[in-house]
Amino acid sequence: MTGARRGIGRTHALVLAKAGAKVVVSDISQEECEKVVEEIKKIGGEAIAVKCDVSKKSEVEELVKKTVEKFDKVDILVNNAGICQFKPFLDLTEEEWDRTLNINLKGYFLCAQAAAKEMAKQKKGVIVNIASIAMGQVGMGFATLAHYCASKGGIVAMTETLALELAPYNIRVNAVAPGLIDTPMVASIKQDPKAMEGTLSRIPLRRAGEPEEVSNLVLFLASDESSYMTGSVIVVDGGWLAG
């Protein structure tokens, strides 16, 4: 589980742990990951914390190595680590573009490849990629988020391709595309009443989603209940795209 120290990643980790999964809580802060591990242990789950910057191949390989050392195998990967910085396109710097794509897209590639190599050995595995409705095409573009939207659109394309390539190894790959979810990532929108009102006006259910409402779908995709699903992109957005 990458990007699991807070927000929706933390919730994914807790929901999977409650369902019986042994969880590796990974993010850029070891201390914050350890706090999530303690939460998991309090509910009777089993977990370890591993610091990892997903944009660095060596750290991703170490993450998978420690997972196998502790739990013998890798059954599930939830690619969740990501950043979102609002910036007008004409002001967007090369460094900001690179940082977003390195974490949001390259990081997913590195983690998926490293995990899939282990899954292929056992001829079974599940990868769940967290995309966004801001993914273009079947989703939508979003002003001031060219870099973020590009990364999420890339995740969708990669999900579909990996589903094809990894199917012979019995590895399923699906993506979840959340809309407005009440996490620290959308704090700037919540702090601006006009922005929040404008956003909610586009959502038929007229509210932000709760992290658990996404995590429950992640759990479903990670389980055998979704055994005939691969290459799918499932939207969880309160009807935003339908509107």
Protein backbone atom coordinates (compact mmCIF):
# COMPACT_ATOMS: atom_id res chain seq x y z
CA MET A 1 0.00 0.00 0.00
CA THR A 2 1.75 3.17 -1.16
CA GLY A 3 0.86 6.66 0.00
CA ALA A 4 -0.65 5.16 3.15
CA ARG A 5 0.48 7.50 5.90
CA ARG A 6 -2.62 9.70 5.77
CA GLY A 7 -5.76 10.55 3.84
CA ILE A 8 -7.38 8.01 1.60
CA GLY A 9 -4.31 5.75 1.59
CA ARG A 10 -4.54 5.36 5.35
CA THR A 11 -8.20 4.43 4.99
CA HIS A 12 -7.39 1.87 2.30
CA ALA A 13 -4.87 0.28 4.67
CA LEU A 14 -7.33 0.11 7.56
CA VAL A 15 -10.17 -1.30 5.46
CA LEU A 16 -7.95 -4.01 3.96
CA ALA A 17 -6.56 -4.86 7.38
CA LYS A 18 -10.08 -5.22 8.82
CA ALA A 19 -10.81 -7.68 6.02
CA GLY A 20 -7.83 -9.79 7.04
CA ALA A 21 -5.06 -8.58 4.76
CA LYS A 22 -1.53 -8.30 6.09
CA VAL A 23 -0.61 -4.74 5.20
CA VAL A 24 2.65 -3.03 4.35
CA VAL A 25 2.12 0.66 5.10
CA SER A 26 4.43 2.66 2.86
CA ASP A 27 5.04 6.37 2.36
CA ILE A 28 7.80 8.97 2.60
CA SER A 29 7.57 9.30 6.42
CA GLN A 30 8.49 6.25 8.48
CA GLU A 31 7.13 7.89 11.62
CA GLU A 32 3.70 8.54 10.14
CA CYS A 33 3.58 5.05 8.65
CA GLU A 34 4.31 3.59 12.07
CA LYS A 35 1.27 5.44 13.45
CA VAL A 36 -0.96 3.76 10.89
CA VAL A 37 0.57 0.40 11.74
CA GLU A 38 -0.36 0.99 15.37
CA GLU A 39 -3.93 1.75 14.33
CA ILE A 40 -4.05 -1.50 12.41
CA LYS A 41 -2.69 -3.47 15.34
CA LYS A 42 -5.32 -1.95 17.63
CA ILE A 43 -8.06 -3.43 15.45
CA GLY A 44 -6.38 -6.83 15.49
CA GLY A 45 -4.60 -6.57 12.16
CA GLU A 46 -1.02 -7.29 11.13
CA ALA A 47 1.16 -4.68 9.45
CA ILE A 48 4.63 -3.26 9.03
CA ALA A 49 5.84 0.18 8.01
CA VAL A 50 8.35 0.73 5.20
CA LYS A 51 9.55 4.15 4.16
CA CYS A 52 9.58 4.52 0.38
CA ASP A 53 9.78 7.26 -2.23
CA VAL A 54 7.98 5.58 -5.12
CA SER A 55 9.80 7.70 -7.70
CA LYS A 56 13.08 5.95 -6.82
CA LYS A 57 13.55 2.44 -8.18
CA SER A 58 15.98 1.36 -5.47
CA GLU A 59 13.51 2.26 -2.73
CA VAL A 60 10.64 0.51 -4.50
CA GLU A 61 12.74 -2.64 -4.86
CA GLU A 62 13.60 -2.46 -1.17
CA LEU A 63 9.90 -2.08 -0.35
CA VAL A 64 9.04 -5.27 -2.22
CA LYS A 65 12.05 -7.09 -0.75
CA LYS A 66 10.99 -6.26 2.82
CA THR A 67 7.42 -7.28 2.03
CA VAL A 68 8.53 -10.70 0.82
CA GLU A 69 10.92 -11.11 3.75
CA LYS A 70 8.09 -10.45 6.21
CA PHE A 71 5.09 -12.05 4.50
CA ASP A 72 6.73 -14.46 1.99
CA LYS A 73 4.86 -13.09 -1.02
CA VAL A 74 3.00 -10.16 -2.58
CA ASP A 75 -0.69 -10.78 -3.28
CA ILE A 76 -2.01 -7.24 -3.61
CA LEU A 77 -0.56 -3.89 -4.62
CA VAL A 78 -2.55 -0.72 -4.12
CA ASN A 79 -0.83 2.07 -6.03
CA ASN A 80 -2.06 5.12 -4.16
CA ALA A 81 0.88 7.50 -3.67
CA GLY A 82 0.31 10.81 -5.39
CA ILE A 83 0.55 14.58 -5.22
CA CYS A 84 -1.76 17.31 -6.48
CA GLN A 85 -0.59 20.90 -6.88
CA PHE A 86 -2.86 23.49 -8.47
CA LYS A 87 -0.88 25.65 -10.91
CA PRO A 88 -1.93 27.56 -14.05
CA PHE A 89 -0.48 25.89 -17.14
CA LEU A 90 1.41 28.98 -18.31
CA ASP A 91 3.13 29.21 -14.92
CA LEU A 92 3.86 25.51 -14.55
CA THR A 93 7.58 24.82 -14.31
CA GLU A 94 9.44 21.87 -15.75
CA GLU A 95 10.43 20.85 -12.23
CA GLU A 96 6.79 20.83 -11.06
CA TRP A 97 5.75 18.81 -14.11
CA ASP A 98 8.55 16.28 -13.57
CA ARG A 99 7.87 15.89 -9.85
CA THR A 100 4.17 15.17 -10.42
CA LEU A 101 4.77 12.68 -13.23
CA ASN A 102 7.64 11.02 -11.33
CA ILE A 103 5.47 10.32 -8.31
CA ASN A 104 2.01 9.89 -9.84
CA LEU A 105 2.91 7.89 -12.95
CA LYS A 106 6.51 6.68 -12.88
CA GLY A 107 5.98 5.61 -9.28
CA TYR A 108 3.01 3.47 -10.29
CA PHE A 109 5.07 1.87 -13.05
CA LEU A 110 7.97 1.07 -10.73
CA CYS A 111 5.75 -0.38 -8.02
CA ALA A 112 3.59 -2.37 -10.44
CA GLN A 113 6.61 -3.87 -12.19
CA ALA A 114 8.39 -4.82 -8.97
CA ALA A 115 5.24 -6.32 -7.43
CA ALA A 116 4.19 -8.11 -10.62
CA LYS A 117 7.55 -9.88 -10.84
CA GLU A 118 6.79 -11.45 -7.46
CA MET A 119 3.14 -12.15 -8.32
CA ALA A 120 4.18 -13.90 -11.55
CA LYS A 121 6.12 -16.46 -9.51
CA GLN A 122 2.92 -17.60 -7.79
CA LYS A 123 0.70 -17.11 -10.87
CA LYS A 124 -1.70 -14.86 -8.98
CA GLY A 125 -1.99 -11.27 -7.88
CA VAL A 126 -4.02 -8.08 -7.93
CA ILE A 127 -2.98 -4.53 -8.70
CA VAL A 128 -5.33 -1.65 -7.94
CA ASN A 129 -4.28 1.74 -9.30
CA ILE A 130 -5.83 4.91 -7.92
CA ALA A 131 -6.55 7.27 -10.80
CA SER A 132 -9.04 10.17 -10.79
CA ILE A 133 -12.01 11.48 -12.73
CA ALA A 134 -9.50 14.17 -13.80
CA MET A 135 -8.06 11.74 -16.34
CA GLY A 136 -9.31 13.17 -19.63
CA GLN A 137 -11.26 11.26 -22.34
CA VAL A 138 -13.87 9.22 -20.45
CA GLY A 139 -13.13 11.46 -17.49
CA MET A 140 -12.47 15.18 -17.62
CA GLY A 141 -9.77 17.79 -17.79
CA PHE A 142 -9.33 20.19 -14.89
CA ALA A 143 -8.03 23.75 -15.17
CA THR A 144 -4.73 24.38 -13.30
CA LEU A 145 -4.01 20.64 -13.13
CA ALA A 146 -2.43 19.83 -16.51
CA HIS A 147 0.37 17.83 -14.88
CA TYR A 148 -1.95 15.98 -12.51
CA CYS A 149 -4.49 15.14 -15.24
CA ALA A 150 -1.70 13.92 -17.52
CA SER A 151 -0.48 11.58 -14.80
CA LYS A 152 -3.94 10.20 -14.06
CA GLY A 153 -4.73 9.70 -17.74
CA GLY A 154 -1.45 7.82 -18.01
CA ILE A 155 -2.44 5.61 -15.10
CA VAL A 156 -5.65 4.61 -16.89
CA ALA A 157 -3.80 3.77 -20.11
CA MET A 158 -1.18 1.81 -18.19
CA THR A 159 -3.87 -0.07 -16.25
CA GLU A 160 -5.50 -1.28 -19.45
CA THR A 161 -2.17 -2.31 -20.97
CA LEU A 162 -0.97 -4.12 -17.86
CA ALA A 163 -4.27 -5.99 -17.66
CA LEU A 164 -3.50 -7.43 -21.10
CA GLU A 165 0.15 -8.24 -20.47
CA LEU A 166 -0.27 -9.71 -17.01
CA ALA A 167 -3.41 -11.78 -17.60
CA PRO A 168 -1.35 -14.85 -18.61
CA TYR A 169 0.15 -14.76 -15.11
CA ASN A 170 -3.33 -14.56 -13.53
CA ILE A 171 -2.59 -11.02 -12.34
CA ARG A 172 -5.58 -8.71 -12.48
CA VAL A 173 -5.12 -4.95 -12.87
CA ASN A 174 -7.92 -2.43 -12.32
CA ALA A 175 -8.19 1.26 -11.55
CA VAL A 176 -10.40 3.35 -9.31
CA ALA A 177 -11.19 6.92 -10.35
CA PRO A 178 -12.43 8.99 -7.40
CA GLY A 179 -14.08 12.36 -7.69
CA LEU A 180 -14.18 14.86 -4.81
CA ILE A 181 -13.23 12.92 -1.68
CA ASP A 182 -12.90 14.51 1.76
CA THR A 183 -9.12 14.19 2.22
CA PRO A 184 -6.23 16.61 2.91
CA MET A 185 -5.59 16.74 -0.85
CA VAL A 186 -8.75 18.79 -1.41
CA ALA A 187 -8.23 21.08 1.58
CA SER A 188 -7.62 24.11 -0.63
CA ILE A 189 -11.03 23.66 -2.28
CA LYS A 190 -12.79 23.26 1.06
CA GLN A 191 -11.19 26.44 2.36
CA ASP A 192 -12.66 28.48 -0.49
CA PRO A 193 -16.48 28.62 -0.03
CA LYS A 194 -17.08 29.71 -3.63
CA ALA A 195 -14.85 26.98 -5.03
CA MET A 196 -16.52 24.38 -2.83
CA GLU A 197 -20.00 25.58 -3.75
CA GLY A 198 -19.12 25.54 -7.44
CA THR A 199 -17.71 22.03 -7.18
CA LEU A 200 -20.66 20.63 -5.26
CA SER A 201 -23.06 22.15 -7.76
CA ARG A 202 -21.63 19.79 -10.38
CA ILE A 203 -22.11 16.69 -8.20
CA PRO A 204 -25.64 15.22 -8.26
CA LEU A 205 -25.30 13.84 -4.71
CA ARG A 206 -24.25 17.36 -3.57
CA ARG A 207 -21.51 16.24 -1.23
CA ALA A 208 -17.93 15.10 -1.12
CA GLY A 209 -17.32 11.39 -0.81
CA GLU A 210 -15.89 9.79 2.30
CA PRO A 211 -12.57 7.91 2.04
CA GLU A 212 -14.25 4.68 3.13
CA GLU A 213 -16.56 4.89 0.10
CA VAL A 214 -13.52 4.53 -2.12
CA SER A 215 -11.69 2.06 0.11
CA ASN A 216 -14.63 -0.35 0.05
CA LEU A 217 -14.31 -0.50 -3.73
CA VAL A 218 -10.55 -1.03 -3.44
CA LEU A 219 -11.27 -3.95 -1.12
CA PHE A 220 -13.71 -5.43 -3.61
CA LEU A 221 -11.20 -5.19 -6.46
CA ALA A 222 -8.47 -6.67 -4.28
CA SER A 223 -10.62 -9.65 -3.34
CA ASP A 224 -11.72 -12.75 -5.20
CA GLU A 225 -15.22 -11.24 -5.33
CA SER A 226 -14.01 -9.38 -8.43
CA SER A 227 -12.23 -12.38 -9.95
CA TYR A 228 -13.57 -11.75 -13.48
CA MET A 229 -12.59 -8.10 -13.56
CA THR A 230 -9.40 -6.79 -15.12
CA GLY A 231 -8.62 -3.71 -17.18
CA SER A 232 -11.57 -1.86 -15.68
CA VAL A 233 -11.68 1.77 -14.55
CA ILE A 234 -14.42 2.34 -11.99
CA VAL A 235 -15.58 5.85 -11.16
CA VAL A 236 -16.59 6.84 -7.62
CA ASP A 237 -17.70 10.46 -7.93
CA GLY A 238 -21.23 11.01 -6.66
CA GLY A 239 -22.47 11.28 -10.24
CA TRP A 240 -20.11 14.09 -11.29
CA LEU A 241 -19.29 12.66 -14.71
CA ALA A 242 -22.90 11.62 -15.29
CA GLY A 243 -23.93 15.25 -14.78
